[in-house]
Each structure stands twice: as C-alpha cells, then as structure tokens.
C-alpha cells in the first residue's frame, strides 16, 4: 500500500471474461478480464467518480477467485467491499485505463469457501 498512488474501498458490480479484439502475435491469449467497481471511499490518492473499470490479462489474472466471490456477494451488505489499488496506465494524450495486472495492493475479506 505504501507504493500505491490510488487505493479505494470498492464493491464488484460485475466481472466478465471475454475476447479483447487486441491484435497480438499468433498463439498469445486474447481474452481479457473486466471488473466494474463501485467506489465506496477513497483511502489514498484521488479518484474522480464513484465507479471504475479495471482490465486484466490472463497472465497473470490477479485475484480472480476473490473478485468472483465479491461479485457474487455484492448487495448482501456488511462485508461486500474490499480494498484495491487502482493502477492507472497512460496510453497517450490524456487517455488511460486501470490495469489489474499492475495492481500491487489488494485486501479482501477472509471467507471460508472450502478447500483450495
């Protein structure tokens, strides 16, 4: 968390995995992960807006199991938020996106969901 520029407390509104339409070399995976977040509060830095979309690649996908659990639990109240670093990636002329693959800090509630 010390190196993170933006950290938020958020809820996972939706999570999807699909084709990215990226033009990549033959044999490289083209599927991407998209997580729609509802920002509950900003813990560190500045975050404009109350929503964020975070993208990730299949290698490494990050905490996919935890994000899936949070997407299933959203709306059940109480323990349905987590802490997440929003790693902003500039792509030129003021355009940017949040990358899951560059995230170095996240903290999910501990759930006993069975053996790993």
C-alpha atoms as a PDB file:
ATOM      1  CA  UNK A   1       0.000   0.000   0.000  1.00  0.00           C
ATOM      2  CA  UNK A   2       2.921   2.329   0.636  1.00  0.00           C
ATOM      3  CA  UNK A   3       3.852   2.421  -3.071  1.00  0.00           C
ATOM      4  CA  UNK A   4       0.284   2.678  -4.357  1.00  0.00           C
ATOM      5  CA  UNK A   5      -0.839   6.045  -5.687  1.00  0.00           C
ATOM      6  CA  UNK A   6      -4.594   5.357  -5.538  1.00  0.00           C
ATOM      7  CA  UNK A   7      -6.290   2.948  -3.116  1.00  0.00           C
ATOM      8  CA  UNK A   8     -10.061   2.626  -2.857  1.00  0.00           C
ATOM      9  CA  UNK A   9     -12.621   0.627  -0.941  1.00  0.00           C
ATOM     10  CA  UNK A  10     -14.897  -0.867  -3.575  1.00  0.00           C
ATOM     11  CA  UNK A  11     -17.606  -3.361  -4.429  1.00  0.00           C
ATOM     12  CA  UNK A  12     -17.530  -5.600  -7.509  1.00  0.00           C
ATOM     13  CA  UNK A  13     -20.639  -4.752  -9.532  1.00  0.00           C
ATOM     14  CA  UNK A  14     -19.762  -7.158 -12.336  1.00  0.00           C
ATOM     15  CA  UNK A  15     -16.942  -9.330 -13.589  1.00  0.00           C
ATOM     16  CA  UNK A  16     -16.560 -10.666 -17.123  1.00  0.00           C
ATOM     17  CA  UNK A  17     -14.010 -12.540 -19.212  1.00  0.00           C
ATOM     18  CA  UNK A  18     -14.120 -12.259 -22.983  1.00  0.00           C
ATOM     19  CA  UNK A  19     -12.299 -11.656 -26.219  1.00  0.00           C
ATOM     20  CA  UNK A  20     -10.389  -8.383 -26.235  1.00  0.00           C
ATOM     21  CA  UNK A  21     -10.103  -7.828 -30.001  1.00  0.00           C
ATOM     22  CA  UNK A  22      -6.421  -6.983 -29.445  1.00  0.00           C
ATOM     23  CA  UNK A  23      -4.088  -7.666 -32.338  1.00  0.00           C
ATOM     24  CA  UNK A  24      -1.419  -9.911 -30.816  1.00  0.00           C
ATOM     25  CA  UNK A  25       1.124 -12.419 -32.063  1.00  0.00           C
ATOM     26  CA  UNK A  26      -0.122 -15.854 -33.033  1.00  0.00           C
ATOM     27  CA  UNK A  27      -0.607 -18.162 -30.064  1.00  0.00           C
ATOM     28  CA  UNK A  28      -0.936 -15.364 -27.495  1.00  0.00           C
ATOM     29  CA  UNK A  29      -4.140 -15.348 -25.450  1.00  0.00           C
ATOM     30  CA  UNK A  30      -6.615 -12.649 -26.484  1.00  0.00           C
ATOM     31  CA  UNK A  31      -9.074 -12.973 -23.615  1.00  0.00           C
ATOM     32  CA  UNK A  32      -9.268 -10.213 -21.005  1.00  0.00           C
ATOM     33  CA  UNK A  33     -10.861  -9.760 -17.599  1.00  0.00           C
ATOM     34  CA  UNK A  34     -13.068  -6.726 -16.933  1.00  0.00           C
ATOM     35  CA  UNK A  35     -14.171  -5.756 -13.425  1.00  0.00           C
ATOM     36  CA  UNK A  36     -16.723  -2.976 -12.856  1.00  0.00           C
ATOM     37  CA  UNK A  37     -16.193  -1.416  -9.428  1.00  0.00           C
ATOM     38  CA  UNK A  38     -18.415   0.774  -7.305  1.00  0.00           C
ATOM     39  CA  UNK A  39     -16.132   3.053  -5.287  1.00  0.00           C
ATOM     40  CA  UNK A  40     -17.335   3.331  -1.694  1.00  0.00           C
ATOM     41  CA  UNK A  41     -14.494   5.550  -0.430  1.00  0.00           C
ATOM     42  CA  UNK A  42     -11.018   6.695  -1.421  1.00  0.00           C
ATOM     43  CA  UNK A  43      -8.386   5.532   1.061  1.00  0.00           C
ATOM     44  CA  UNK A  44      -5.334   7.059  -0.633  1.00  0.00           C
ATOM     45  CA  UNK A  45      -4.827   9.491  -3.520  1.00  0.00           C
ATOM     46  CA  UNK A  46      -7.514  10.974  -5.737  1.00  0.00           C
ATOM     47  CA  UNK A  47     -10.152   9.084  -7.680  1.00  0.00           C
ATOM     48  CA  UNK A  48     -12.644  11.018  -9.776  1.00  0.00           C
ATOM     49  CA  UNK A  49     -16.093   9.485  -9.854  1.00  0.00           C
ATOM     50  CA  UNK A  50     -17.824   6.724  -7.972  1.00  0.00           C
ATOM     51  CA  UNK A  51     -17.139   3.948 -10.477  1.00  0.00           C
ATOM     52  CA  UNK A  52     -14.071   2.425 -12.126  1.00  0.00           C
ATOM     53  CA  UNK A  53     -13.475  -0.262 -14.717  1.00  0.00           C
ATOM     54  CA  UNK A  54     -10.355  -2.385 -14.269  1.00  0.00           C
ATOM     55  CA  UNK A  55      -8.888  -4.549 -17.041  1.00  0.00           C
ATOM     56  CA  UNK A  56      -6.581  -7.539 -16.690  1.00  0.00           C
ATOM     57  CA  UNK A  57      -4.935 -10.109 -18.888  1.00  0.00           C
ATOM     58  CA  UNK A  58      -4.986 -13.848 -18.482  1.00  0.00           C
ATOM     59  CA  UNK A  59      -1.353 -13.855 -17.359  1.00  0.00           C
ATOM     60  CA  UNK A  60      -1.359 -13.111 -14.502  1.00  0.00           C
ATOM     61  CA  UNK A  61      -5.083 -12.613 -13.926  1.00  0.00           C
ATOM     62  CA  UNK A  62      -4.641 -11.380 -10.369  1.00  0.00           C
ATOM     63  CA  UNK A  63      -7.032 -12.422  -7.613  1.00  0.00           C
ATOM     64  CA  UNK A  64      -9.729 -13.839  -9.919  1.00  0.00           C
ATOM     65  CA  UNK A  65     -11.129 -16.196  -7.264  1.00  0.00           C
ATOM     66  CA  UNK A  66     -11.549 -13.347  -4.758  1.00  0.00           C
ATOM     67  CA  UNK A  67     -13.043 -10.973  -7.338  1.00  0.00           C
ATOM     68  CA  UNK A  68     -15.526 -13.655  -8.398  1.00  0.00           C
ATOM     69  CA  UNK A  69     -16.552 -14.180  -4.779  1.00  0.00           C
ATOM     70  CA  UNK A  70     -17.008 -10.414  -4.291  1.00  0.00           C
ATOM     71  CA  UNK A  71     -19.139 -10.219  -7.460  1.00  0.00           C
ATOM     72  CA  UNK A  72     -21.380 -12.968  -6.060  1.00  0.00           C
ATOM     73  CA  UNK A  73     -21.663 -11.280  -2.653  1.00  0.00           C
ATOM     74  CA  UNK A  74     -22.358  -7.714  -3.824  1.00  0.00           C
ATOM     75  CA  UNK A  75     -25.553  -6.403  -2.301  1.00  0.00           C
ATOM     76  CA  UNK A  76     -25.595  -8.773   0.668  1.00  0.00           C
ATOM     77  CA  UNK A  77     -24.349  -5.907   2.824  1.00  0.00           C
ATOM     78  CA  UNK A  78     -21.804  -5.629   5.559  1.00  0.00           C
ATOM     79  CA  UNK A  79     -18.804  -7.477   4.252  1.00  0.00           C
ATOM     80  CA  UNK A  80     -19.110  -6.992   0.481  1.00  0.00           C
ATOM     81  CA  UNK A  81     -16.346  -4.402  -0.004  1.00  0.00           C
ATOM     82  CA  UNK A  82     -12.589  -4.775  -0.360  1.00  0.00           C
ATOM     83  CA  UNK A  83      -9.518  -2.553  -0.735  1.00  0.00           C
ATOM     84  CA  UNK A  84      -7.890  -2.235  -4.140  1.00  0.00           C
ATOM     85  CA  UNK A  85      -5.073  -0.291  -5.740  1.00  0.00           C
ATOM     86  CA  UNK A  86      -6.161   1.408  -8.941  1.00  0.00           C
ATOM     87  CA  UNK A  87      -3.070   1.228 -11.165  1.00  0.00           C
ATOM     88  CA  UNK A  88      -3.591   3.892 -13.837  1.00  0.00           C
ATOM     89  CA  UNK A  89      -1.889   3.184 -17.171  1.00  0.00           C
ATOM     90  CA  UNK A  90      -1.471   6.133 -19.550  1.00  0.00           C
ATOM     91  CA  UNK A  91      -1.956   5.344 -23.236  1.00  0.00           C
ATOM     92  CA  UNK A  92      -1.427   8.856 -24.587  1.00  0.00           C
ATOM     93  CA  UNK A  93      -2.947  12.335 -24.783  1.00  0.00           C
ATOM     94  CA  UNK A  94      -4.891  12.120 -21.530  1.00  0.00           C
ATOM     95  CA  UNK A  95      -6.277   8.638 -22.250  1.00  0.00           C
ATOM     96  CA  UNK A  96      -5.697   5.995 -19.593  1.00  0.00           C
ATOM     97  CA  UNK A  97      -7.107   2.790 -18.133  1.00  0.00           C
ATOM     98  CA  UNK A  98      -6.868   0.925 -14.827  1.00  0.00           C
ATOM     99  CA  UNK A  99      -4.836  -2.272 -15.060  1.00  0.00           C
ATOM    100  CA  UNK A 100      -5.403  -5.278 -12.815  1.00  0.00           C
ATOM    101  CA  UNK A 101      -2.057  -6.742 -13.859  1.00  0.00           C
ATOM    102  CA  UNK A 102      -0.183  -3.728 -12.451  1.00  0.00           C
ATOM    103  CA  UNK A 103      -2.009  -3.814  -9.111  1.00  0.00           C
ATOM    104  CA  UNK A 104       0.331  -4.444  -6.189  1.00  0.00           C
ATOM    105  CA  UNK A 105      -2.072  -3.975  -3.267  1.00  0.00           C
ATOM    106  CA  UNK A 106      -5.442  -5.541  -2.548  1.00  0.00           C
ATOM    107  CA  UNK A 107      -7.129  -6.769   0.609  1.00  0.00           C
ATOM    108  CA  UNK A 108     -10.201  -8.993   0.516  1.00  0.00           C
ATOM    109  CA  UNK A 109     -12.342 -10.196   3.407  1.00  0.00           C
ATOM    110  CA  UNK A 110     -11.458 -13.707   4.575  1.00  0.00           C
ATOM    111  CA  UNK A 111     -14.124 -16.224   3.622  1.00  0.00           C
ATOM    112  CA  UNK A 112     -14.086 -19.953   4.308  1.00  0.00           C
ATOM    113  CA  UNK A 113     -15.263 -21.208   0.921  1.00  0.00           C
ATOM    114  CA  UNK A 114     -13.812 -24.697   1.143  1.00  0.00           C
ATOM    115  CA  UNK A 115     -10.514 -26.331   0.204  1.00  0.00           C
ATOM    116  CA  UNK A 116      -8.254 -24.754  -2.424  1.00  0.00           C
END
